[in-house]
Amino acid sequence: LCERVLPKRIFVVGNAFGWSTLALGLINPTAQIVAIDICWRADEVHGLEVTNILAKRAGLNVRAVQGKSPDDVAQICAREFDGPVDLVFIDGGHTPDQQTLDFNACRSVAAADCVYVFHDVVNFQMVDSFVEITHASSDLIGSLLLRTPSGMAICYPRSRDASLAPVVRVFITGNLLDTHLHAPHSSTPKAARQLLP
């Protein structure tokens, strides 16, 4: 995916101990990556420190900072980036309402051709929220990535479909067209629920 998106600025909502943040840094060595975490517990503050130490040792342009989504997203992105975000990884509060808030906050700081990746959508029962996000964003194509361990999802601009669809299709269960939410057989929230056990 990143080989096709070639992101310059990546924003991560939810850092914990930085596994995904650092992975994105290793995958995209020329990108600038900023992650935020609200840090409800002291361990998560330590997680920011660990992420920043490891990023520095690996020579990555990665920075993890304390911040709350959606409240702090615009201010942190304005401070940390020199332009709009072109890849977002949402792995924050893990509730349907929070996922929607995270997406809307990120959309406000993103480039028009930004790609949005959502973690744990199926495992944390956030499918309906994701479907609503996709249907409210007619310029985006949304897909549930049911061949990922946590049931991830992705939204990306229609203008990127020719480039990204071959990658996305690898992670869609091939015989369930409803996993591609803006495909010719567009789904409804009810249809999305029927995909799940």
N, C-alpha and C. Protein backbone atom coordinates (compact mmCIF):
# COMPACT_ATOMS: atom_id res chain seq x y z
N LEU A 1 0.83 -1.20 0.00
CA LEU A 1 0.00 0.00 0.00
C LEU A 1 0.87 1.25 0.00
N CYS A 2 1.84 1.28 0.89
CA CYS A 2 2.68 2.49 0.98
C CYS A 2 3.54 2.70 -0.26
N GLU A 3 3.92 1.63 -0.94
CA GLU A 3 4.67 1.78 -2.19
C GLU A 3 3.85 2.49 -3.25
N ARG A 4 2.54 2.39 -3.15
CA ARG A 4 1.66 3.04 -4.13
C ARG A 4 1.21 4.42 -3.66
N VAL A 5 1.03 4.59 -2.36
CA VAL A 5 0.62 5.89 -1.84
C VAL A 5 1.80 6.86 -1.80
N LEU A 6 2.99 6.36 -1.44
CA LEU A 6 4.19 7.18 -1.27
C LEU A 6 3.93 8.38 -0.36
N PRO A 7 3.48 8.12 0.87
CA PRO A 7 3.13 9.23 1.75
C PRO A 7 4.35 10.03 2.20
N LYS A 8 4.15 11.34 2.32
CA LYS A 8 5.19 12.22 2.86
C LYS A 8 4.93 12.55 4.33
N ARG A 9 3.64 12.61 4.70
CA ARG A 9 3.26 12.96 6.06
C ARG A 9 2.20 11.96 6.55
N ILE A 10 2.54 11.23 7.61
CA ILE A 10 1.67 10.19 8.15
C ILE A 10 1.27 10.57 9.56
N PHE A 11 -0.03 10.49 9.83
CA PHE A 11 -0.54 10.81 11.16
C PHE A 11 -1.18 9.56 11.76
N VAL A 12 -0.81 9.26 13.00
CA VAL A 12 -1.27 8.05 13.69
C VAL A 12 -2.06 8.47 14.93
N VAL A 13 -3.28 7.98 15.04
CA VAL A 13 -4.10 8.20 16.23
C VAL A 13 -4.04 6.93 17.06
N GLY A 14 -3.38 7.01 18.22
CA GLY A 14 -3.21 5.85 19.10
C GLY A 14 -1.81 5.27 18.93
N ASN A 15 -0.98 5.39 19.94
CA ASN A 15 0.40 4.95 19.84
C ASN A 15 0.74 3.77 20.74
N ALA A 16 0.25 3.78 21.98
CA ALA A 16 0.60 2.76 22.98
C ALA A 16 2.13 2.68 23.09
N PHE A 17 2.73 1.52 22.73
CA PHE A 17 4.19 1.40 22.79
C PHE A 17 4.85 1.56 21.42
N GLY A 18 4.08 2.00 20.43
CA GLY A 18 4.68 2.43 19.18
C GLY A 18 4.90 1.39 18.12
N TRP A 19 4.37 0.19 18.29
CA TRP A 19 4.61 -0.85 17.28
C TRP A 19 4.20 -0.38 15.89
N SER A 20 2.96 0.08 15.73
CA SER A 20 2.49 0.50 14.41
C SER A 20 3.20 1.77 13.94
N THR A 21 3.43 2.68 14.86
CA THR A 21 4.12 3.92 14.50
C THR A 21 5.51 3.64 13.96
N LEU A 22 6.26 2.80 14.65
CA LEU A 22 7.62 2.47 14.21
C LEU A 22 7.60 1.64 12.94
N ALA A 23 6.63 0.74 12.82
CA ALA A 23 6.51 -0.04 11.58
C ALA A 23 6.28 0.88 10.39
N LEU A 24 5.40 1.87 10.56
CA LEU A 24 5.16 2.82 9.47
C LEU A 24 6.43 3.61 9.16
N GLY A 25 7.21 3.93 10.18
CA GLY A 25 8.48 4.62 9.95
C GLY A 25 9.46 3.77 9.17
N LEU A 26 9.55 2.49 9.49
CA LEU A 26 10.46 1.59 8.77
C LEU A 26 10.00 1.37 7.33
N ILE A 27 8.68 1.27 7.13
CA ILE A 27 8.13 1.06 5.79
C ILE A 27 8.27 2.31 4.93
N ASN A 28 8.23 3.48 5.57
CA ASN A 28 8.26 4.77 4.85
C ASN A 28 9.42 5.62 5.37
N PRO A 29 10.66 5.24 5.06
CA PRO A 29 11.81 5.92 5.67
C PRO A 29 11.96 7.39 5.27
N THR A 30 11.33 7.82 4.19
CA THR A 30 11.43 9.22 3.79
C THR A 30 10.25 10.06 4.28
N ALA A 31 9.29 9.42 4.93
CA ALA A 31 8.10 10.14 5.41
C ALA A 31 8.33 10.70 6.81
N GLN A 32 7.56 11.72 7.13
CA GLN A 32 7.50 12.23 8.49
C GLN A 32 6.27 11.61 9.16
N ILE A 33 6.45 11.02 10.32
CA ILE A 33 5.37 10.34 11.02
C ILE A 33 5.20 10.96 12.40
N VAL A 34 3.96 11.33 12.70
CA VAL A 34 3.62 11.85 14.02
C VAL A 34 2.48 11.00 14.57
N ALA A 35 2.64 10.53 15.80
CA ALA A 35 1.61 9.75 16.47
C ALA A 35 1.18 10.47 17.74
N ILE A 36 -0.10 10.34 18.06
CA ILE A 36 -0.59 10.89 19.31
C ILE A 36 -1.22 9.78 20.15
N ASP A 37 -1.17 9.97 21.45
CA ASP A 37 -1.85 9.08 22.37
C ASP A 37 -2.32 9.91 23.55
N ILE A 38 -3.52 9.66 24.01
CA ILE A 38 -4.07 10.43 25.13
C ILE A 38 -3.38 10.09 26.44
N CYS A 39 -2.81 8.88 26.53
CA CYS A 39 -2.03 8.45 27.70
C CYS A 39 -2.86 8.47 28.98
N TRP A 40 -3.86 7.64 29.01
CA TRP A 40 -4.68 7.52 30.22
C TRP A 40 -3.88 6.96 31.38
N ARG A 41 -2.88 6.11 31.08
CA ARG A 41 -2.09 5.45 32.13
C ARG A 41 -0.62 5.85 31.99
N ALA A 42 0.11 5.71 33.08
CA ALA A 42 1.53 6.05 33.08
C ALA A 42 2.30 5.19 32.08
N ASP A 43 1.87 3.95 31.90
CA ASP A 43 2.54 3.07 30.93
C ASP A 43 2.50 3.66 29.53
N GLU A 44 1.42 4.34 29.19
CA GLU A 44 1.31 4.92 27.85
C GLU A 44 2.21 6.14 27.68
N VAL A 45 2.43 6.88 28.76
CA VAL A 45 3.41 7.97 28.71
C VAL A 45 4.79 7.37 28.46
N HIS A 46 5.08 6.30 29.15
CA HIS A 46 6.34 5.58 28.92
C HIS A 46 6.40 5.07 27.48
N GLY A 47 5.26 4.66 26.94
CA GLY A 47 5.21 4.21 25.54
C GLY A 47 5.64 5.28 24.56
N LEU A 48 5.25 6.53 24.82
CA LEU A 48 5.71 7.63 23.97
C LEU A 48 7.22 7.75 24.03
N GLU A 49 7.75 7.65 25.25
CA GLU A 49 9.21 7.76 25.43
C GLU A 49 9.93 6.64 24.69
N VAL A 50 9.42 5.42 24.84
CA VAL A 50 10.04 4.26 24.16
C VAL A 50 9.99 4.45 22.65
N THR A 51 8.85 4.88 22.14
CA THR A 51 8.72 5.10 20.69
C THR A 51 9.74 6.10 20.20
N ASN A 52 9.88 7.21 20.89
CA ASN A 52 10.81 8.26 20.46
C ASN A 52 12.27 7.82 20.58
N ILE A 53 12.60 7.05 21.62
CA ILE A 53 13.97 6.55 21.76
C ILE A 53 14.31 5.59 20.62
N LEU A 54 13.40 4.65 20.35
CA LEU A 54 13.65 3.67 19.29
C LEU A 54 13.70 4.33 17.91
N ALA A 55 12.83 5.31 17.70
CA ALA A 55 12.84 6.02 16.41
C ALA A 55 14.17 6.73 16.20
N LYS A 56 14.66 7.38 17.25
CA LYS A 56 15.93 8.09 17.14
C LYS A 56 17.07 7.11 16.85
N ARG A 57 17.09 5.99 17.57
CA ARG A 57 18.15 4.99 17.35
C ARG A 57 18.11 4.42 15.94
N ALA A 58 16.90 4.29 15.39
CA ALA A 58 16.75 3.73 14.04
C ALA A 58 16.89 4.79 12.95
N GLY A 59 17.05 6.05 13.34
CA GLY A 59 17.19 7.12 12.36
C GLY A 59 15.90 7.42 11.61
N LEU A 60 14.77 7.25 12.27
CA LEU A 60 13.47 7.47 11.63
C LEU A 60 12.94 8.86 11.96
N ASN A 61 12.22 9.44 11.02
CA ASN A 61 11.59 10.75 11.24
C ASN A 61 10.22 10.52 11.88
N VAL A 62 10.24 10.00 13.10
CA VAL A 62 9.03 9.61 13.84
C VAL A 62 9.01 10.36 15.15
N ARG A 63 7.84 10.87 15.50
CA ARG A 63 7.69 11.56 16.78
C ARG A 63 6.35 11.17 17.38
N ALA A 64 6.35 10.72 18.63
CA ALA A 64 5.13 10.39 19.35
C ALA A 64 4.92 11.43 20.44
N VAL A 65 3.72 12.00 20.49
CA VAL A 65 3.42 13.07 21.44
C VAL A 65 2.10 12.79 22.14
N GLN A 66 1.95 13.37 23.31
CA GLN A 66 0.69 13.23 24.03
C GLN A 66 -0.33 14.17 23.42
N GLY A 67 -1.51 13.65 23.17
CA GLY A 67 -2.58 14.46 22.60
C GLY A 67 -3.87 13.68 22.54
N LYS A 68 -4.96 14.41 22.51
CA LYS A 68 -6.29 13.80 22.50
C LYS A 68 -6.96 14.05 21.16
N SER A 69 -7.55 12.99 20.62
CA SER A 69 -8.37 13.15 19.42
C SER A 69 -9.83 13.14 19.84
N PRO A 70 -10.63 14.06 19.30
CA PRO A 70 -10.33 14.98 18.20
C PRO A 70 -9.76 16.33 18.64
N ASP A 71 -9.77 16.62 19.93
CA ASP A 71 -9.51 17.98 20.41
C ASP A 71 -8.19 18.56 19.94
N ASP A 72 -7.12 17.75 19.95
CA ASP A 72 -5.78 18.27 19.71
C ASP A 72 -5.24 18.02 18.30
N VAL A 73 -6.02 17.37 17.46
CA VAL A 73 -5.51 16.93 16.16
C VAL A 73 -5.06 18.11 15.31
N ALA A 74 -5.93 19.10 15.14
CA ALA A 74 -5.59 20.22 14.25
C ALA A 74 -4.36 20.96 14.74
N GLN A 75 -4.30 21.22 16.04
CA GLN A 75 -3.18 21.99 16.60
C GLN A 75 -1.86 21.21 16.48
N ILE A 76 -1.90 19.92 16.78
CA ILE A 76 -0.67 19.12 16.70
C ILE A 76 -0.21 18.99 15.26
N CYS A 77 -1.13 18.75 14.34
CA CYS A 77 -0.73 18.62 12.93
C CYS A 77 -0.18 19.93 12.39
N ALA A 78 -0.77 21.05 12.78
CA ALA A 78 -0.26 22.35 12.33
C ALA A 78 1.14 22.59 12.87
N ARG A 79 1.39 22.16 14.09
CA ARG A 79 2.70 22.37 14.72
C ARG A 79 3.76 21.43 14.16
N GLU A 80 3.40 20.19 13.89
CA GLU A 80 4.38 19.16 13.55
C GLU A 80 4.65 19.02 12.06
N PHE A 81 3.65 19.26 11.22
CA PHE A 81 3.79 19.03 9.79
C PHE A 81 3.92 20.34 9.03
N ASP A 82 4.58 20.27 7.86
CA ASP A 82 4.70 21.45 7.01
C ASP A 82 3.69 21.44 5.86
N GLY A 83 2.71 20.54 5.94
CA GLY A 83 1.68 20.44 4.91
C GLY A 83 0.63 19.44 5.35
N PRO A 84 -0.35 19.19 4.48
CA PRO A 84 -1.44 18.29 4.86
C PRO A 84 -0.99 16.83 4.93
N VAL A 85 -1.69 16.07 5.73
CA VAL A 85 -1.42 14.65 5.93
C VAL A 85 -1.89 13.86 4.71
N ASP A 86 -1.09 12.87 4.28
CA ASP A 86 -1.53 12.06 3.14
C ASP A 86 -1.73 10.58 3.45
N LEU A 87 -1.45 10.16 4.70
CA LEU A 87 -1.82 8.82 5.16
C LEU A 87 -2.16 8.92 6.63
N VAL A 88 -3.31 8.37 7.00
CA VAL A 88 -3.78 8.37 8.39
C VAL A 88 -3.95 6.93 8.83
N PHE A 89 -3.51 6.64 10.05
CA PHE A 89 -3.74 5.33 10.66
C PHE A 89 -4.51 5.56 11.95
N ILE A 90 -5.76 5.11 11.99
CA ILE A 90 -6.65 5.33 13.13
C ILE A 90 -6.69 4.06 13.98
N ASP A 91 -6.15 4.17 15.20
CA ASP A 91 -6.06 3.04 16.12
C ASP A 91 -6.20 3.56 17.54
N GLY A 92 -7.24 4.39 17.75
CA GLY A 92 -7.37 5.11 19.00
C GLY A 92 -8.31 4.49 20.00
N GLY A 93 -9.47 5.13 20.22
CA GLY A 93 -10.35 4.78 21.32
C GLY A 93 -11.14 3.50 21.18
N HIS A 94 -11.23 2.92 20.00
CA HIS A 94 -11.86 1.61 19.78
C HIS A 94 -13.34 1.56 20.18
N THR A 95 -14.04 2.67 19.98
CA THR A 95 -15.50 2.66 20.06
C THR A 95 -16.02 3.24 18.76
N PRO A 96 -17.25 2.89 18.37
CA PRO A 96 -17.79 3.45 17.12
C PRO A 96 -17.79 4.98 17.11
N ASP A 97 -18.25 5.59 18.20
CA ASP A 97 -18.31 7.06 18.23
C ASP A 97 -16.92 7.68 18.13
N GLN A 98 -15.95 7.09 18.84
CA GLN A 98 -14.59 7.63 18.80
C GLN A 98 -13.97 7.47 17.42
N GLN A 99 -14.22 6.34 16.78
CA GLN A 99 -13.69 6.13 15.42
C GLN A 99 -14.20 7.22 14.48
N THR A 100 -15.47 7.56 14.58
CA THR A 100 -16.03 8.61 13.74
C THR A 100 -15.40 9.97 14.07
N LEU A 101 -15.25 10.26 15.35
CA LEU A 101 -14.61 11.52 15.75
C LEU A 101 -13.17 11.59 15.24
N ASP A 102 -12.44 10.48 15.36
CA ASP A 102 -11.05 10.44 14.88
C ASP A 102 -10.99 10.70 13.38
N PHE A 103 -11.85 10.03 12.64
CA PHE A 103 -11.85 10.21 11.18
C PHE A 103 -12.14 11.65 10.81
N ASN A 104 -13.17 12.22 11.40
CA ASN A 104 -13.55 13.60 11.05
C ASN A 104 -12.43 14.59 11.40
N ALA A 105 -11.78 14.38 12.54
CA ALA A 105 -10.67 15.26 12.91
C ALA A 105 -9.52 15.13 11.92
N CYS A 106 -9.22 13.90 11.54
CA CYS A 106 -8.12 13.68 10.59
C CYS A 106 -8.47 14.21 9.20
N ARG A 107 -9.71 14.07 8.82
CA ARG A 107 -10.12 14.57 7.50
C ARG A 107 -9.89 16.07 7.40
N SER A 108 -10.04 16.77 8.51
CA SER A 108 -9.89 18.23 8.49
C SER A 108 -8.44 18.67 8.29
N VAL A 109 -7.47 17.79 8.50
CA VAL A 109 -6.05 18.15 8.35
C VAL A 109 -5.39 17.40 7.19
N ALA A 110 -6.20 16.69 6.43
CA ALA A 110 -5.67 15.80 5.40
C ALA A 110 -5.72 16.42 4.01
N ALA A 111 -4.82 15.94 3.17
CA ALA A 111 -4.84 16.31 1.75
C ALA A 111 -6.06 15.67 1.09
N ALA A 112 -6.43 16.21 -0.06
CA ALA A 112 -7.60 15.68 -0.78
C ALA A 112 -7.41 14.23 -1.19
N ASP A 113 -6.16 13.83 -1.41
CA ASP A 113 -5.90 12.45 -1.85
C ASP A 113 -5.42 11.55 -0.71
N CYS A 114 -5.71 11.93 0.53
CA CYS A 114 -5.28 11.16 1.70
C CYS A 114 -5.93 9.78 1.73
N VAL A 115 -5.18 8.82 2.25
CA VAL A 115 -5.66 7.45 2.46
C VAL A 115 -5.82 7.25 3.96
N TYR A 116 -6.93 6.62 4.35
CA TYR A 116 -7.26 6.41 5.76
C TYR A 116 -7.31 4.91 6.04
N VAL A 117 -6.50 4.45 6.98
CA VAL A 117 -6.49 3.04 7.38
C VAL A 117 -7.00 2.97 8.82
N PHE A 118 -7.91 2.04 9.06
CA PHE A 118 -8.55 1.88 10.37
C PHE A 118 -8.19 0.52 10.93
N HIS A 119 -7.75 0.48 12.19
CA HIS A 119 -7.39 -0.78 12.83
C HIS A 119 -8.57 -1.31 13.65
N ASP A 120 -8.65 -2.63 13.81
CA ASP A 120 -9.58 -3.27 14.76
C ASP A 120 -11.06 -2.99 14.50
N VAL A 121 -11.44 -2.71 13.28
CA VAL A 121 -12.83 -2.35 12.99
C VAL A 121 -13.78 -3.51 13.29
N VAL A 122 -13.42 -4.69 12.83
CA VAL A 122 -14.29 -5.85 13.06
C VAL A 122 -14.17 -6.34 14.50
N ASN A 123 -12.95 -6.51 14.99
CA ASN A 123 -12.75 -7.08 16.33
C ASN A 123 -13.39 -6.24 17.44
N PHE A 124 -13.47 -4.93 17.23
CA PHE A 124 -14.06 -4.07 18.25
C PHE A 124 -15.46 -3.58 17.86
N GLN A 125 -16.08 -4.28 16.93
CA GLN A 125 -17.49 -4.04 16.56
C GLN A 125 -17.74 -2.59 16.15
N MET A 126 -16.87 -2.09 15.26
CA MET A 126 -17.02 -0.72 14.77
C MET A 126 -17.40 -0.69 13.28
N VAL A 127 -17.96 -1.79 12.80
CA VAL A 127 -18.30 -1.88 11.37
C VAL A 127 -19.35 -0.85 10.99
N ASP A 128 -20.41 -0.73 11.77
CA ASP A 128 -21.47 0.23 11.41
C ASP A 128 -20.93 1.66 11.35
N SER A 129 -20.05 2.01 12.28
CA SER A 129 -19.44 3.33 12.25
C SER A 129 -18.63 3.52 10.97
N PHE A 130 -17.87 2.49 10.60
CA PHE A 130 -17.07 2.60 9.38
C PHE A 130 -17.97 2.72 8.15
N VAL A 131 -19.05 1.96 8.11
CA VAL A 131 -19.98 2.04 6.97
C VAL A 131 -20.58 3.44 6.89
N GLU A 132 -20.96 3.99 8.04
CA GLU A 132 -21.52 5.35 8.05
C GLU A 132 -20.49 6.37 7.58
N ILE A 133 -19.25 6.24 8.01
CA ILE A 133 -18.18 7.13 7.55
C ILE A 133 -18.06 7.07 6.03
N THR A 134 -18.06 5.87 5.51
CA THR A 134 -17.89 5.68 4.06
C THR A 134 -19.06 6.26 3.29
N HIS A 135 -20.27 6.01 3.75
CA HIS A 135 -21.44 6.51 3.03
C HIS A 135 -21.58 8.02 3.13
N ALA A 136 -21.04 8.60 4.19
CA ALA A 136 -21.09 10.07 4.32
C ALA A 136 -19.99 10.75 3.51
N SER A 137 -19.08 9.97 2.97
CA SER A 137 -17.94 10.52 2.21
C SER A 137 -17.99 9.97 0.79
N SER A 138 -18.82 10.58 -0.02
CA SER A 138 -19.09 10.03 -1.36
C SER A 138 -17.86 10.06 -2.27
N ASP A 139 -16.85 10.85 -1.91
CA ASP A 139 -15.63 10.91 -2.72
C ASP A 139 -14.66 9.78 -2.38
N LEU A 140 -14.98 8.98 -1.34
CA LEU A 140 -14.07 7.92 -0.91
C LEU A 140 -14.65 6.55 -1.21
N ILE A 141 -13.77 5.62 -1.46
CA ILE A 141 -14.12 4.21 -1.56
C ILE A 141 -13.71 3.56 -0.24
N GLY A 142 -14.60 2.80 0.35
CA GLY A 142 -14.31 2.14 1.61
C GLY A 142 -14.39 0.64 1.49
N SER A 143 -13.48 -0.05 2.15
CA SER A 143 -13.47 -1.51 2.13
C SER A 143 -13.14 -2.06 3.50
N LEU A 144 -13.86 -3.10 3.89
CA LEU A 144 -13.51 -3.88 5.07
C LEU A 144 -12.45 -4.89 4.65
N LEU A 145 -11.36 -4.91 5.36
CA LEU A 145 -10.23 -5.79 5.01
C LEU A 145 -10.31 -7.04 5.88
N LEU A 146 -11.21 -7.93 5.50
CA LEU A 146 -11.53 -9.08 6.35
C LEU A 146 -10.42 -10.13 6.37
N ARG A 147 -9.45 -10.00 5.51
CA ARG A 147 -8.31 -10.92 5.54
C ARG A 147 -7.16 -10.39 6.38
N THR A 148 -7.44 -9.43 7.24
CA THR A 148 -6.45 -8.97 8.21
C THR A 148 -6.85 -9.54 9.58
N PRO A 149 -5.89 -9.80 10.46
CA PRO A 149 -6.21 -10.46 11.73
C PRO A 149 -7.22 -9.71 12.60
N SER A 150 -7.19 -8.37 12.57
CA SER A 150 -8.07 -7.61 13.45
C SER A 150 -9.28 -7.05 12.72
N GLY A 151 -9.44 -7.39 11.44
CA GLY A 151 -10.55 -6.84 10.68
C GLY A 151 -10.39 -5.35 10.45
N MET A 152 -9.32 -4.99 9.75
CA MET A 152 -9.04 -3.59 9.46
C MET A 152 -9.96 -3.08 8.36
N ALA A 153 -9.86 -1.80 8.05
CA ALA A 153 -10.64 -1.20 6.98
C ALA A 153 -9.83 -0.07 6.36
N ILE A 154 -10.27 0.36 5.18
CA ILE A 154 -9.56 1.43 4.47
C ILE A 154 -10.55 2.29 3.71
N CYS A 155 -10.28 3.59 3.66
CA CYS A 155 -10.99 4.53 2.78
C CYS A 155 -9.94 5.28 1.97
N TYR A 156 -10.22 5.48 0.71
CA TYR A 156 -9.30 6.25 -0.12
C TYR A 156 -10.06 6.93 -1.24
N PRO A 157 -9.52 7.99 -1.81
CA PRO A 157 -10.22 8.74 -2.85
C PRO A 157 -10.42 7.90 -4.12
N ARG A 158 -11.53 8.14 -4.78
CA ARG A 158 -11.81 7.42 -6.03
C ARG A 158 -10.70 7.62 -7.06
N SER A 159 -10.04 8.77 -7.00
CA SER A 159 -8.96 9.06 -7.94
C SER A 159 -7.78 8.10 -7.78
N ARG A 160 -7.68 7.43 -6.64
CA ARG A 160 -6.58 6.49 -6.38
C ARG A 160 -6.99 5.04 -6.65
N ASP A 161 -8.20 4.81 -7.11
CA ASP A 161 -8.70 3.44 -7.20
C ASP A 161 -7.88 2.56 -8.13
N ALA A 162 -7.48 3.07 -9.28
CA ALA A 162 -6.72 2.24 -10.23
C ALA A 162 -5.43 1.75 -9.60
N SER A 163 -4.79 2.58 -8.80
CA SER A 163 -3.53 2.21 -8.18
C SER A 163 -3.71 1.33 -6.95
N LEU A 164 -4.71 1.65 -6.10
CA LEU A 164 -4.83 0.99 -4.81
C LEU A 164 -5.72 -0.25 -4.82
N ALA A 165 -6.68 -0.32 -5.73
CA ALA A 165 -7.62 -1.45 -5.72
C ALA A 165 -6.93 -2.81 -5.79
N PRO A 166 -5.88 -2.99 -6.60
CA PRO A 166 -5.23 -4.31 -6.62
C PRO A 166 -4.65 -4.72 -5.27
N VAL A 167 -4.15 -3.75 -4.50
CA VAL A 167 -3.62 -4.05 -3.17
C VAL A 167 -4.77 -4.34 -2.20
N VAL A 168 -5.80 -3.51 -2.24
CA VAL A 168 -6.93 -3.66 -1.33
C VAL A 168 -7.63 -5.00 -1.55
N ARG A 169 -7.77 -5.40 -2.81
CA ARG A 169 -8.48 -6.65 -3.11
C ARG A 169 -7.82 -7.87 -2.47
N VAL A 170 -6.52 -7.81 -2.23
CA VAL A 170 -5.82 -8.92 -1.58
C VAL A 170 -6.39 -9.18 -0.20
N PHE A 171 -6.89 -8.14 0.46
CA PHE A 171 -7.36 -8.25 1.85
C PHE A 171 -8.87 -8.29 1.99
N ILE A 172 -9.58 -8.36 0.85
CA ILE A 172 -11.03 -8.47 0.87
C ILE A 172 -11.38 -9.93 0.62
N THR A 173 -12.36 -10.44 1.36
CA THR A 173 -12.83 -11.80 1.10
C THR A 173 -13.50 -11.79 -0.25
N GLY A 174 -12.91 -12.48 -1.21
CA GLY A 174 -13.26 -12.35 -2.62
C GLY A 174 -14.70 -12.61 -2.99
N ASN A 175 -15.39 -13.50 -2.31
CA ASN A 175 -16.75 -13.81 -2.73
C ASN A 175 -17.81 -12.97 -2.00
N LEU A 176 -17.40 -11.98 -1.23
CA LEU A 176 -18.35 -11.11 -0.54
C LEU A 176 -18.18 -9.69 -1.05
N LEU A 177 -18.95 -9.35 -2.09
CA LEU A 177 -18.80 -8.04 -2.71
C LEU A 177 -19.12 -6.90 -1.75
N ASP A 178 -19.93 -7.17 -0.72
CA ASP A 178 -20.30 -6.10 0.19
C ASP A 178 -19.15 -5.59 1.02
N THR A 179 -18.01 -6.29 1.03
CA THR A 179 -16.88 -5.77 1.78
C THR A 179 -16.28 -4.54 1.10
N HIS A 180 -16.59 -4.34 -0.16
CA HIS A 180 -16.15 -3.15 -0.89
C HIS A 180 -17.35 -2.22 -0.92
N LEU A 181 -17.40 -1.24 -0.03
CA LEU A 181 -18.63 -0.55 0.30
C LEU A 181 -19.13 0.40 -0.77
N HIS A 182 -18.26 0.84 -1.66
CA HIS A 182 -18.71 1.68 -2.75
C HIS A 182 -18.48 0.99 -4.09
N ALA A 183 -18.49 -0.32 -4.07
CA ALA A 183 -18.43 -1.10 -5.30
C ALA A 183 -19.80 -1.05 -5.96
N PRO A 184 -19.94 -1.61 -7.19
CA PRO A 184 -21.25 -1.59 -7.84
C PRO A 184 -22.35 -2.18 -6.96
N HIS A 185 -22.01 -3.13 -6.09
CA HIS A 185 -23.00 -3.72 -5.19
C HIS A 185 -22.80 -3.11 -3.80
N SER A 186 -23.12 -1.83 -3.69
CA SER A 186 -22.85 -1.10 -2.45
C SER A 186 -23.64 -1.68 -1.29
N SER A 187 -23.03 -1.67 -0.11
CA SER A 187 -23.67 -2.28 1.05
C SER A 187 -24.42 -1.25 1.87
N THR A 188 -25.22 -1.73 2.76
CA THR A 188 -25.87 -0.93 3.79
C THR A 188 -25.30 -1.39 5.12
N PRO A 189 -25.52 -0.63 6.21
CA PRO A 189 -25.04 -1.13 7.50
C PRO A 189 -25.55 -2.53 7.81
N LYS A 190 -26.81 -2.82 7.45
CA LYS A 190 -27.35 -4.16 7.70
C LYS A 190 -26.56 -5.21 6.94
N ALA A 191 -26.25 -4.90 5.67
CA ALA A 191 -25.46 -5.86 4.87
C ALA A 191 -24.08 -6.05 5.46
N ALA A 192 -23.49 -4.96 5.98
CA ALA A 192 -22.17 -5.09 6.59
C ALA A 192 -22.24 -5.99 7.80
N ARG A 193 -23.30 -5.87 8.61
CA ARG A 193 -23.44 -6.73 9.79
C ARG A 193 -23.55 -8.20 9.39
N GLN A 194 -24.16 -8.46 8.23
CA GLN A 194 -24.32 -9.84 7.79
C GLN A 194 -23.01 -10.49 7.38
N LEU A 195 -21.98 -9.68 7.21
CA LEU A 195 -20.66 -10.24 6.89
C LEU A 195 -20.03 -10.93 8.08
N LEU A 196 -20.50 -10.58 9.28
CA LEU A 196 -19.85 -11.03 10.50
C LEU A 196 -20.57 -12.24 11.08
N PRO A 197 -19.83 -13.08 11.81
CA PRO A 197 -20.47 -14.26 12.41
C PRO A 197 -21.56 -13.86 13.40
